[in-house]
Amino acid sequence: MKTKITKEIAQNLNCGLDSYFNPKTDEILSIPNFSLIADEEEFQKAFKADLQKYLKTNLII
């Protein structure tokens, strides 16, 4: 299982995504890298649910 999680995170990183892993639930949250986004307001609208989930949980990189 850990190999599958590691591969998924590696693939996400190669695609320019930031990945966060919750070890309690084995959940991976991937969102585009903030530094690659030109329109921050539009980005926050598009990923609002994911960003709120990230902020409410103890996800780690």
PDB file of N, CA and C in Angstrom:
ATOM      1  N   MET A   1       0.818  -1.192   0.000  1.00  0.00           N
ATOM      2  CA  MET A   1       0.000   0.000   0.000  1.00  0.00           C
ATOM      3  C   MET A   1       0.863   1.257   0.000  1.00  0.00           C
ATOM      4  N   LYS A   2       1.952   1.259   0.784  1.00  0.00           N
ATOM      5  CA  LYS A   2       2.823   2.426   0.840  1.00  0.00           C
ATOM      6  C   LYS A   2       3.455   2.717  -0.508  1.00  0.00           C
ATOM      7  N   THR A   3       3.785   1.679  -1.267  1.00  0.00           N
ATOM      8  CA  THR A   3       4.376   1.865  -2.588  1.00  0.00           C
ATOM      9  C   THR A   3       3.389   2.560  -3.513  1.00  0.00           C
ATOM     10  N   LYS A   4       2.136   2.161  -3.451  1.00  0.00           N
ATOM     11  CA  LYS A   4       1.101   2.781  -4.285  1.00  0.00           C
ATOM     12  C   LYS A   4       0.946   4.264  -3.931  1.00  0.00           C
ATOM     13  N   ILE A   5       0.928   4.577  -2.648  1.00  0.00           N
ATOM     14  CA  ILE A   5       0.811   5.966  -2.208  1.00  0.00           C
ATOM     15  C   ILE A   5       2.009   6.777  -2.658  1.00  0.00           C
ATOM     16  N   THR A   6       3.203   6.209  -2.501  1.00  0.00           N
ATOM     17  CA  THR A   6       4.427   6.898  -2.916  1.00  0.00           C
ATOM     18  C   THR A   6       4.422   7.172  -4.404  1.00  0.00           C
ATOM     19  N   LYS A   7       4.005   6.197  -5.204  1.00  0.00           N
ATOM     20  CA  LYS A   7       3.952   6.381  -6.659  1.00  0.00           C
ATOM     21  C   LYS A   7       2.952   7.460  -7.037  1.00  0.00           C
ATOM     22  N   GLU A   8       1.798   7.471  -6.392  1.00  0.00           N
ATOM     23  CA  GLU A   8       0.786   8.479  -6.708  1.00  0.00           C
ATOM     24  C   GLU A   8       1.283   9.883  -6.374  1.00  0.00           C
ATOM     25  N   ILE A   9       1.929  10.025  -5.224  1.00  0.00           N
ATOM     26  CA  ILE A   9       2.479  11.332  -4.847  1.00  0.00           C
ATOM     27  C   ILE A   9       3.567  11.754  -5.827  1.00  0.00           C
ATOM     28  N   ALA A  10       4.428  10.834  -6.224  1.00  0.00           N
ATOM     29  CA  ALA A  10       5.494  11.143  -7.190  1.00  0.00           C
ATOM     30  C   ALA A  10       4.918  11.587  -8.526  1.00  0.00           C
ATOM     31  N   GLN A  11       3.884  10.915  -8.992  1.00  0.00           N
ATOM     32  CA  GLN A  11       3.243  11.296 -10.249  1.00  0.00           C
ATOM     33  C   GLN A  11       2.625  12.690 -10.143  1.00  0.00           C
ATOM     34  N   ASN A  12       1.990  12.962  -9.019  1.00  0.00           N
ATOM     35  CA  ASN A  12       1.389  14.280  -8.826  1.00  0.00           C
ATOM     36  C   ASN A  12       2.448  15.378  -8.813  1.00  0.00           C
ATOM     37  N   LEU A  13       3.570  15.111  -8.163  1.00  0.00           N
ATOM     38  CA  LEU A  13       4.655  16.085  -8.123  1.00  0.00           C
ATOM     39  C   LEU A  13       5.217  16.334  -9.519  1.00  0.00           C
ATOM     40  N   ASN A  14       5.337  15.287 -10.318  1.00  0.00           N
ATOM     41  CA  ASN A  14       5.825  15.433 -11.690  1.00  0.00           C
ATOM     42  C   ASN A  14       4.876  16.255 -12.551  1.00  0.00           C
ATOM     43  N   CYS A  15       3.608  16.274 -12.179  1.00  0.00           N
ATOM     44  CA  CYS A  15       2.600  17.043 -12.924  1.00  0.00           C
ATOM     45  C   CYS A  15       2.467  18.477 -12.411  1.00  0.00           C
ATOM     46  N   GLY A  16       3.304  18.866 -11.465  1.00  0.00           N
ATOM     47  CA  GLY A  16       3.253  20.231 -10.941  1.00  0.00           C
ATOM     48  C   GLY A  16       2.244  20.425  -9.824  1.00  0.00           C
ATOM     49  N   LEU A  17       1.833  19.337  -9.203  1.00  0.00           N
ATOM     50  CA  LEU A  17       0.877  19.425  -8.105  1.00  0.00           C
ATOM     51  C   LEU A  17       1.601  19.317  -6.768  1.00  0.00           C
ATOM     52  N   ASP A  18       1.050  19.965  -5.766  1.00  0.00           N
ATOM     53  CA  ASP A  18       1.510  19.768  -4.393  1.00  0.00           C
ATOM     54  C   ASP A  18       0.630  18.682  -3.810  1.00  0.00           C
ATOM     55  N   SER A  19       1.231  17.715  -3.148  1.00  0.00           N
ATOM     56  CA  SER A  19       0.477  16.605  -2.574  1.00  0.00           C
ATOM     57  C   SER A  19       0.618  16.602  -1.065  1.00  0.00           C
ATOM     58  N   TYR A  20      -0.495  16.368  -0.401  1.00  0.00           N
ATOM     59  CA  TYR A  20      -0.543  16.302   1.044  1.00  0.00           C
ATOM     60  C   TYR A  20      -1.127  14.954   1.428  1.00  0.00           C
ATOM     61  N   PHE A  21      -0.537  14.319   2.409  1.00  0.00           N
ATOM     62  CA  PHE A  21      -0.939  12.969   2.801  1.00  0.00           C
ATOM     63  C   PHE A  21      -1.423  12.960   4.242  1.00  0.00           C
ATOM     64  N   ASN A  22      -2.586  12.352   4.456  1.00  0.00           N
ATOM     65  CA  ASN A  22      -3.123  12.182   5.791  1.00  0.00           C
ATOM     66  C   ASN A  22      -2.872  10.735   6.197  1.00  0.00           C
ATOM     67  N   PRO A  23      -1.924  10.493   7.094  1.00  0.00           N
ATOM     68  CA  PRO A  23      -1.579   9.113   7.470  1.00  0.00           C
ATOM     69  C   PRO A  23      -2.684   8.401   8.244  1.00  0.00           C
ATOM     70  N   LYS A  24      -3.584   9.154   8.837  1.00  0.00           N
ATOM     71  CA  LYS A  24      -4.678   8.536   9.588  1.00  0.00           C
ATOM     72  C   LYS A  24      -5.699   7.888   8.660  1.00  0.00           C
ATOM     73  N   THR A  25      -5.902   8.502   7.495  1.00  0.00           N
ATOM     74  CA  THR A  25      -6.918   8.011   6.553  1.00  0.00           C
ATOM     75  C   THR A  25      -6.315   7.480   5.257  1.00  0.00           C
ATOM     76  N   ASP A  26      -5.000   7.583   5.111  1.00  0.00           N
ATOM     77  CA  ASP A  26      -4.302   7.234   3.867  1.00  0.00           C
ATOM     78  C   ASP A  26      -4.833   8.035   2.677  1.00  0.00           C
ATOM     79  N   GLU A  27      -5.293   9.236   2.941  1.00  0.00           N
ATOM     80  CA  GLU A  27      -5.844  10.102   1.899  1.00  0.00           C
ATOM     81  C   GLU A  27      -4.761  11.026   1.355  1.00  0.00           C
ATOM     82  N   ILE A  28      -4.764  11.186   0.039  1.00  0.00           N
ATOM     83  CA  ILE A  28      -3.850  12.101  -0.631  1.00  0.00           C
ATOM     84  C   ILE A  28      -4.674  13.244  -1.200  1.00  0.00           C
ATOM     85  N   LEU A  29      -4.265  14.461  -0.912  1.00  0.00           N
ATOM     86  CA  LEU A  29      -4.904  15.650  -1.467  1.00  0.00           C
ATOM     87  C   LEU A  29      -3.881  16.325  -2.362  1.00  0.00           C
ATOM     88  N   SER A  30      -4.217  16.507  -3.623  1.00  0.00           N
ATOM     89  CA  SER A  30      -3.295  17.132  -4.567  1.00  0.00           C
ATOM     90  C   SER A  30      -3.953  18.353  -5.191  1.00  0.00           C
ATOM     91  N   ILE A  31      -3.214  19.462  -5.140  1.00  0.00           N
ATOM     92  CA  ILE A  31      -3.685  20.708  -5.730  1.00  0.00           C
ATOM     93  C   ILE A  31      -2.533  21.323  -6.513  1.00  0.00           C
ATOM     94  N   PRO A  32      -2.835  22.165  -7.509  1.00  0.00           N
ATOM     95  CA  PRO A  32      -1.752  22.806  -8.262  1.00  0.00           C
ATOM     96  C   PRO A  32      -0.861  23.642  -7.347  1.00  0.00           C
ATOM     97  N   ASN A  33       0.387  23.712  -7.692  1.00  0.00           N
ATOM     98  CA  ASN A  33       1.359  24.495  -6.946  1.00  0.00           C
ATOM     99  C   ASN A  33       0.964  25.965  -6.984  1.00  0.00           C
ATOM    100  N   PHE A  34       0.872  26.605  -5.820  1.00  0.00           N
ATOM    101  CA  PHE A  34       0.474  28.009  -5.733  1.00  0.00           C
ATOM    102  C   PHE A  34       1.352  28.917  -6.580  1.00  0.00           C
ATOM    103  N   SER A  35       2.633  28.651  -6.650  1.00  0.00           N
ATOM    104  CA  SER A  35       3.556  29.526  -7.375  1.00  0.00           C
ATOM    105  C   SER A  35       3.359  29.463  -8.884  1.00  0.00           C
ATOM    106  N   LEU A  36       2.650  28.447  -9.374  1.00  0.00           N
ATOM    107  CA  LEU A  36       2.414  28.315 -10.809  1.00  0.00           C
ATOM    108  C   LEU A  36       1.094  28.937 -11.258  1.00  0.00           C
ATOM    109  N   ILE A  37       0.343  29.497 -10.323  1.00  0.00           N
ATOM    110  CA  ILE A  37      -0.977  30.023 -10.610  1.00  0.00           C
ATOM    111  C   ILE A  37      -0.898  31.528 -10.847  1.00  0.00           C
ATOM    112  N   ALA A  38      -1.398  31.976 -11.997  1.00  0.00           N
ATOM    113  CA  ALA A  38      -1.386  33.394 -12.325  1.00  0.00           C
ATOM    114  C   ALA A  38      -2.539  34.140 -11.647  1.00  0.00           C
ATOM    115  N   ASP A  39      -3.709  33.531 -11.582  1.00  0.00           N
ATOM    116  CA  ASP A  39      -4.890  34.176 -11.009  1.00  0.00           C
ATOM    117  C   ASP A  39      -5.240  33.496  -9.688  1.00  0.00           C
ATOM    118  N   GLU A  40      -4.713  34.038  -8.601  1.00  0.00           N
ATOM    119  CA  GLU A  40      -4.879  33.404  -7.294  1.00  0.00           C
ATOM    120  C   GLU A  40      -6.348  33.346  -6.869  1.00  0.00           C
ATOM    121  N   GLU A  41      -7.113  34.378  -7.176  1.00  0.00           N
ATOM    122  CA  GLU A  41      -8.532  34.397  -6.798  1.00  0.00           C
ATOM    123  C   GLU A  41      -9.298  33.279  -7.506  1.00  0.00           C
ATOM    124  N   GLU A  42      -9.049  33.101  -8.773  1.00  0.00           N
ATOM    125  CA  GLU A  42      -9.711  32.043  -9.541  1.00  0.00           C
ATOM    126  C   GLU A  42      -9.283  30.665  -9.028  1.00  0.00           C
ATOM    127  N   PHE A  43      -8.019  30.546  -8.694  1.00  0.00           N
ATOM    128  CA  PHE A  43      -7.492  29.294  -8.138  1.00  0.00           C
ATOM    129  C   PHE A  43      -8.207  28.948  -6.838  1.00  0.00           C
ATOM    130  N   GLN A  44      -8.347  29.936  -5.959  1.00  0.00           N
ATOM    131  CA  GLN A  44      -8.993  29.680  -4.678  1.00  0.00           C
ATOM    132  C   GLN A  44     -10.457  29.295  -4.855  1.00  0.00           C
ATOM    133  N   LYS A  45     -11.127  29.871  -5.844  1.00  0.00           N
ATOM    134  CA  LYS A  45     -12.516  29.497  -6.125  1.00  0.00           C
ATOM    135  C   LYS A  45     -12.588  28.056  -6.619  1.00  0.00           C
ATOM    136  N   ALA A  46     -11.696  27.696  -7.521  1.00  0.00           N
ATOM    137  CA  ALA A  46     -11.720  26.370  -8.135  1.00  0.00           C
ATOM    138  C   ALA A  46     -11.387  25.259  -7.129  1.00  0.00           C
ATOM    139  N   PHE A  47     -10.517  25.546  -6.201  1.00  0.00           N
ATOM    140  CA  PHE A  47     -10.063  24.529  -5.253  1.00  0.00           C
ATOM    141  C   PHE A  47     -10.496  24.834  -3.818  1.00  0.00           C
ATOM    142  N   LYS A  48     -11.579  25.576  -3.673  1.00  0.00           N
ATOM    143  CA  LYS A  48     -12.041  26.003  -2.354  1.00  0.00           C
ATOM    144  C   LYS A  48     -12.271  24.817  -1.405  1.00  0.00           C
ATOM    145  N   ALA A  49     -12.979  23.803  -1.869  1.00  0.00           N
ATOM    146  CA  ALA A  49     -13.281  22.650  -1.012  1.00  0.00           C
ATOM    147  C   ALA A  49     -12.006  21.924  -0.590  1.00  0.00           C
ATOM    148  N   ASP A  50     -11.087  21.729  -1.536  1.00  0.00           N
ATOM    149  CA  ASP A  50      -9.835  21.044  -1.208  1.00  0.00           C
ATOM    150  C   ASP A  50      -8.986  21.866  -0.243  1.00  0.00           C
ATOM    151  N   LEU A  51      -8.932  23.184  -0.465  1.00  0.00           N
ATOM    152  CA  LEU A  51      -8.142  24.036   0.417  1.00  0.00           C
ATOM    153  C   LEU A  51      -8.726  24.051   1.833  1.00  0.00           C
ATOM    154  N   GLN A  52     -10.045  24.095   1.944  1.00  0.00           N
ATOM    155  CA  GLN A  52     -10.669  24.065   3.265  1.00  0.00           C
ATOM    156  C   GLN A  52     -10.409  22.735   3.954  1.00  0.00           C
ATOM    157  N   LYS A  53     -10.471  21.660   3.193  1.00  0.00           N
ATOM    158  CA  LYS A  53     -10.206  20.333   3.757  1.00  0.00           C
ATOM    159  C   LYS A  53      -8.774  20.259   4.270  1.00  0.00           C
ATOM    160  N   TYR A  54      -7.840  20.808   3.485  1.00  0.00           N
ATOM    161  CA  TYR A  54      -6.435  20.823   3.887  1.00  0.00           C
ATOM    162  C   TYR A  54      -6.255  21.592   5.198  1.00  0.00           C
ATOM    163  N   LEU A  55      -6.897  22.754   5.290  1.00  0.00           N
ATOM    164  CA  LEU A  55      -6.733  23.594   6.459  1.00  0.00           C
ATOM    165  C   LEU A  55      -7.376  22.989   7.714  1.00  0.00           C
ATOM    166  N   LYS A  56      -8.404  22.159   7.543  1.00  0.00           N
ATOM    167  CA  LYS A  56      -9.119  21.571   8.682  1.00  0.00           C
ATOM    168  C   LYS A  56      -8.515  20.266   9.181  1.00  0.00           C
ATOM    169  N   THR A  57      -7.619  19.668   8.428  1.00  0.00           N
ATOM    170  CA  THR A  57      -7.060  18.381   8.820  1.00  0.00           C
ATOM    171  C   THR A  57      -5.577  18.503   9.110  1.00  0.00           C
ATOM    172  N   ASN A  58      -5.005  17.438   9.576  1.00  0.00           N
ATOM    173  CA  ASN A  58      -3.570  17.390   9.875  1.00  0.00           C
ATOM    174  C   ASN A  58      -2.829  16.721   8.730  1.00  0.00           C
ATOM    175  N   LEU A  59      -2.945  17.271   7.538  1.00  0.00           N
ATOM    176  CA  LEU A  59      -2.253  16.686   6.391  1.00  0.00           C
ATOM    177  C   LEU A  59      -0.803  17.114   6.411  1.00  0.00           C
ATOM    178  N   ILE A  60       0.056  16.227   5.926  1.00  0.00           N
ATOM    179  CA  ILE A  60       1.480  16.520   5.856  1.00  0.00           C
ATOM    180  C   ILE A  60       1.962  16.345   4.432  1.00  0.00           C
ATOM    181  N   ILE A  61       3.071  16.968   4.126  1.00  0.00           N
ATOM    182  CA  ILE A  61       3.657  16.816   2.786  1.00  0.00           C
ATOM    183  C   ILE A  61       4.431  15.526   2.755  1.00  0.00           C
TER     184      ILE A  61
END
